[in-house]
């Protein structure tokens, strides 16, 4: 399903080269070189490169930190249904970082992110995606809150060796919050615990 067509092969390979520079695979880690390759691919419309470029701008890796640019590239990728980019776009809309605060739009992107993560978990389950789903389900971020189901996802993540999931379980009694308090939970948990990787984990 992910195999690129001939039309999209060049930007896809540009993204892959950027990813290798970003992670230091087969070469010395070089965020500046990664930025150059991601930019070529992103300009051609590759959603994974757009997401990765957003991360470089957000953290100031290989380029001057620029939240407005980060939001721009996250949203470009999110609007092509990249779940990771949907999540970052939603966070920035929720917090008013790099863009005007818009909680209604944030909820739309959180929902898209949750649905995307759920699909990824069905196809390629691992500790990180299970943890993402668990925290979002527990707190009702992008979905109806279901603490029991959320804890099941988090327990699965912990069993797969995720240290954040285990820490969550160790402190789960602290999260017995009222509905009003629960509004702030995504900011403390999902936003801090679930940080984006520089590139999509599965590609």
Protein backbone atom coordinates (compact mmCIF):
# COMPACT_ATOMS: atom_id res chain seq x y z
CA UNK A 1 0.00 0.00 0.00
CA UNK A 2 2.88 2.37 0.77
CA UNK A 3 4.95 1.46 -2.29
CA UNK A 4 5.28 4.68 -4.31
CA UNK A 5 4.11 4.95 -7.89
CA UNK A 6 6.58 6.07 -10.54
CA UNK A 7 5.16 9.61 -10.36
CA UNK A 8 5.89 9.90 -6.65
CA UNK A 9 9.09 7.85 -6.50
CA UNK A 10 11.53 10.78 -6.60
CA UNK A 11 9.99 12.80 -3.71
CA UNK A 12 9.56 9.58 -1.72
CA UNK A 13 13.26 8.75 -2.12
CA UNK A 14 14.16 12.33 -1.21
CA UNK A 15 12.17 11.84 1.99
CA UNK A 16 13.97 8.56 2.70
CA UNK A 17 17.38 10.21 2.25
CA UNK A 18 16.31 13.00 4.60
CA UNK A 19 15.20 10.42 7.14
CA UNK A 20 18.59 8.68 7.02
CA UNK A 21 20.36 12.00 7.63
CA UNK A 22 17.97 12.85 10.48
CA UNK A 23 18.50 9.51 12.22
CA UNK A 24 22.16 9.01 11.30
CA UNK A 25 21.47 5.80 9.39
CA UNK A 26 24.34 4.92 7.03
CA UNK A 27 25.83 8.38 7.50
CA UNK A 28 26.64 10.93 10.18
CA UNK A 29 23.53 12.52 11.68
CA UNK A 30 23.07 15.88 9.98
CA UNK A 31 19.86 17.83 10.54
CA UNK A 32 20.85 20.51 8.03
CA UNK A 33 21.19 17.91 5.29
CA UNK A 34 17.97 16.30 6.47
CA UNK A 35 16.22 19.66 6.17
CA UNK A 36 17.46 20.09 2.58
CA UNK A 37 16.14 16.69 1.50
CA UNK A 38 12.88 16.96 3.43
CA UNK A 39 12.25 20.38 1.86
CA UNK A 40 12.64 19.02 -1.67
CA UNK A 41 10.24 16.19 -0.92
CA UNK A 42 7.78 18.38 1.00
CA UNK A 43 7.63 20.91 -1.84
CA UNK A 44 6.63 18.03 -4.12
CA UNK A 45 3.74 17.23 -1.78
CA UNK A 46 5.10 14.26 0.20
CA UNK A 47 3.12 14.23 3.46
CA UNK A 48 5.77 12.36 5.45
CA UNK A 49 8.43 14.90 4.50
CA UNK A 50 6.05 17.73 5.38
CA UNK A 51 5.55 16.23 8.84
CA UNK A 52 9.28 15.72 9.31
CA UNK A 53 10.00 19.27 8.18
CA UNK A 54 7.46 20.50 10.69
CA UNK A 55 9.37 18.71 13.43
CA UNK A 56 12.66 20.28 12.38
CA UNK A 57 11.09 23.74 12.50
CA UNK A 58 9.35 23.04 15.81
CA UNK A 59 12.52 21.95 17.60
CA UNK A 60 14.98 24.11 15.68
CA UNK A 61 16.98 21.15 14.36
CA UNK A 62 18.91 22.04 11.20
CA UNK A 63 17.00 25.30 10.88
CA UNK A 64 16.08 28.31 13.02
CA UNK A 65 13.15 27.40 15.28
CA UNK A 66 9.93 28.71 13.81
CA UNK A 67 6.58 27.62 15.27
CA UNK A 68 4.60 29.30 12.50
CA UNK A 69 6.48 27.31 9.86
CA UNK A 70 6.16 24.16 11.95
CA UNK A 71 2.39 24.59 12.06
CA UNK A 72 2.27 25.27 8.32
CA UNK A 73 4.02 22.01 7.47
CA UNK A 74 2.20 19.96 10.10
CA UNK A 75 -1.12 21.14 8.68
CA UNK A 76 -0.09 20.40 5.09
CA UNK A 77 0.68 16.85 6.16
CA UNK A 78 -2.40 16.58 8.39
CA UNK A 79 -4.65 17.58 5.52
CA UNK A 80 -3.28 14.54 3.69
CA UNK A 81 -4.41 12.34 6.61
CA UNK A 82 -1.06 11.78 8.32
CA UNK A 83 -2.16 10.81 11.85
CA UNK A 84 1.07 12.02 13.48
CA UNK A 85 0.74 15.42 11.78
CA UNK A 86 -2.95 15.61 12.75
CA UNK A 87 -1.94 15.18 16.37
CA UNK A 88 0.73 17.90 16.27
CA UNK A 89 -1.60 20.26 14.38
CA UNK A 90 -4.28 19.70 17.01
CA UNK A 91 -1.87 20.42 19.87
CA UNK A 92 -0.72 23.68 18.32
CA UNK A 93 -4.31 24.76 17.66
CA UNK A 94 -5.26 23.82 21.22
CA UNK A 95 -2.37 25.76 22.75
CA UNK A 96 -2.27 28.64 20.26
CA UNK A 97 1.36 27.93 19.34
CA UNK A 98 2.39 29.01 15.84
CA UNK A 99 -1.22 29.86 15.05
CA UNK A 100 -4.31 31.36 16.65
CA UNK A 101 -5.92 29.21 19.34
CA UNK A 102 -8.92 27.34 17.96
CA UNK A 103 -10.28 24.56 20.16
CA UNK A 104 -12.98 23.55 17.69
CA UNK A 105 -10.46 22.96 14.91
CA UNK A 106 -8.14 21.28 17.41
CA UNK A 107 -10.85 18.75 18.26
CA UNK A 108 -11.37 17.95 14.58
CA UNK A 109 -7.68 17.20 14.14
CA UNK A 110 -7.52 15.25 17.41
CA UNK A 111 -10.35 13.07 16.09
CA UNK A 112 -8.52 12.54 12.80
CA UNK A 113 -5.37 11.67 14.74
CA UNK A 114 -7.17 9.18 16.95
CA UNK A 115 -8.79 7.44 14.00
CA UNK A 116 -5.45 7.31 12.23
CA UNK A 117 -3.63 5.91 15.26
CA UNK A 118 -6.35 3.31 15.71
CA UNK A 119 -5.87 2.13 12.12
CA UNK A 120 -2.09 2.04 12.54
CA UNK A 121 -2.48 0.01 15.74
CA UNK A 122 -4.63 -2.50 13.88
CA UNK A 123 -2.05 -2.93 11.13
CA UNK A 124 1.24 -2.43 12.99
CA UNK A 125 0.79 -2.52 16.78
CA UNK A 126 3.75 -1.49 18.93
CA UNK A 127 4.35 0.01 22.36
CA UNK A 128 4.35 3.64 21.21
CA UNK A 129 1.13 3.57 19.23
CA UNK A 130 -0.58 1.64 22.03
CA UNK A 131 0.53 4.28 24.51
CA UNK A 132 -0.74 7.11 22.30
CA UNK A 133 -4.12 5.43 21.97
CA UNK A 134 -4.23 4.68 25.68
CA UNK A 135 -3.61 8.25 26.82
CA UNK A 136 -6.01 9.68 24.26
CA UNK A 137 -8.74 7.16 25.13
CA UNK A 138 -8.21 7.63 28.87
CA UNK A 139 -8.45 11.41 28.63
CA UNK A 140 -11.08 11.61 25.88
CA UNK A 141 -8.80 13.36 23.42
CA UNK A 142 -10.25 12.95 19.94
CA UNK A 143 -12.73 10.36 21.20
CA UNK A 144 -15.20 9.66 23.98
CA UNK A 145 -13.32 9.13 27.24
CA UNK A 146 -13.10 5.49 28.31
CA UNK A 147 -10.68 5.05 31.18
CA UNK A 148 -10.95 1.27 31.33
CA UNK A 149 -10.18 0.87 27.63
CA UNK A 150 -7.47 3.51 27.86
CA UNK A 151 -5.79 1.58 30.67
CA UNK A 152 -5.96 -1.60 28.60
CA UNK A 153 -4.02 0.08 25.80
CA UNK A 154 -1.54 1.49 28.30
CA UNK A 155 -1.07 -1.90 29.98
CA UNK A 156 -0.38 -3.44 26.57
CA UNK A 157 2.19 -0.72 25.90
CA UNK A 158 3.85 -1.34 29.29
CA UNK A 159 3.99 -5.08 28.59
CA UNK A 160 5.81 -4.24 25.35
CA UNK A 161 8.40 -2.31 27.37
CA UNK A 162 7.24 1.31 27.11
CA UNK A 163 8.61 3.19 30.13
CA UNK A 164 6.09 6.03 29.89
CA UNK A 165 3.22 3.55 29.95
CA UNK A 166 4.66 1.91 33.04
CA UNK A 167 5.08 5.27 34.73
CA UNK A 168 1.47 6.09 33.92
CA UNK A 169 0.30 2.84 35.50
CA UNK A 170 2.48 3.42 38.55
CA UNK A 171 0.76 6.79 39.07
CA UNK A 172 -2.71 5.95 37.74
CA UNK A 173 -4.34 6.67 41.12
CA UNK A 174 -3.37 10.33 40.67
CA UNK A 175 -5.57 10.60 37.57
CA UNK A 176 -8.92 10.08 39.31
CA UNK A 177 -10.12 13.49 38.20
CA UNK A 178 -13.43 15.23 37.92
CA UNK A 179 -14.85 15.99 34.49
CA UNK A 180 -13.74 19.62 34.78
CA UNK A 181 -10.21 18.67 35.78
CA UNK A 182 -10.05 16.16 32.95
CA UNK A 183 -10.07 19.00 30.43
CA UNK A 184 -6.44 19.75 31.33
CA UNK A 185 -5.31 16.12 31.25
CA UNK A 186 -4.37 16.00 27.56
CA UNK A 187 -2.02 18.95 28.11
CA UNK A 188 -0.21 17.22 30.98
CA UNK A 189 -0.16 13.70 29.59
CA UNK A 190 -0.68 13.48 25.87
CA UNK A 191 1.32 16.61 25.14
CA UNK A 192 4.26 15.89 27.40
CA UNK A 193 4.43 12.13 27.34
CA UNK A 194 3.75 11.66 23.63
CA UNK A 195 6.37 13.67 21.81
CA UNK A 196 6.67 13.42 18.03
CA UNK A 197 9.50 11.55 16.40
CA UNK A 198 11.43 13.48 13.78
CA UNK A 199 10.04 11.18 11.13
CA UNK A 200 7.17 8.72 10.96
CA UNK A 201 8.16 5.64 12.92
CA UNK A 202 6.88 3.15 10.39
CA UNK A 203 8.22 4.57 7.14
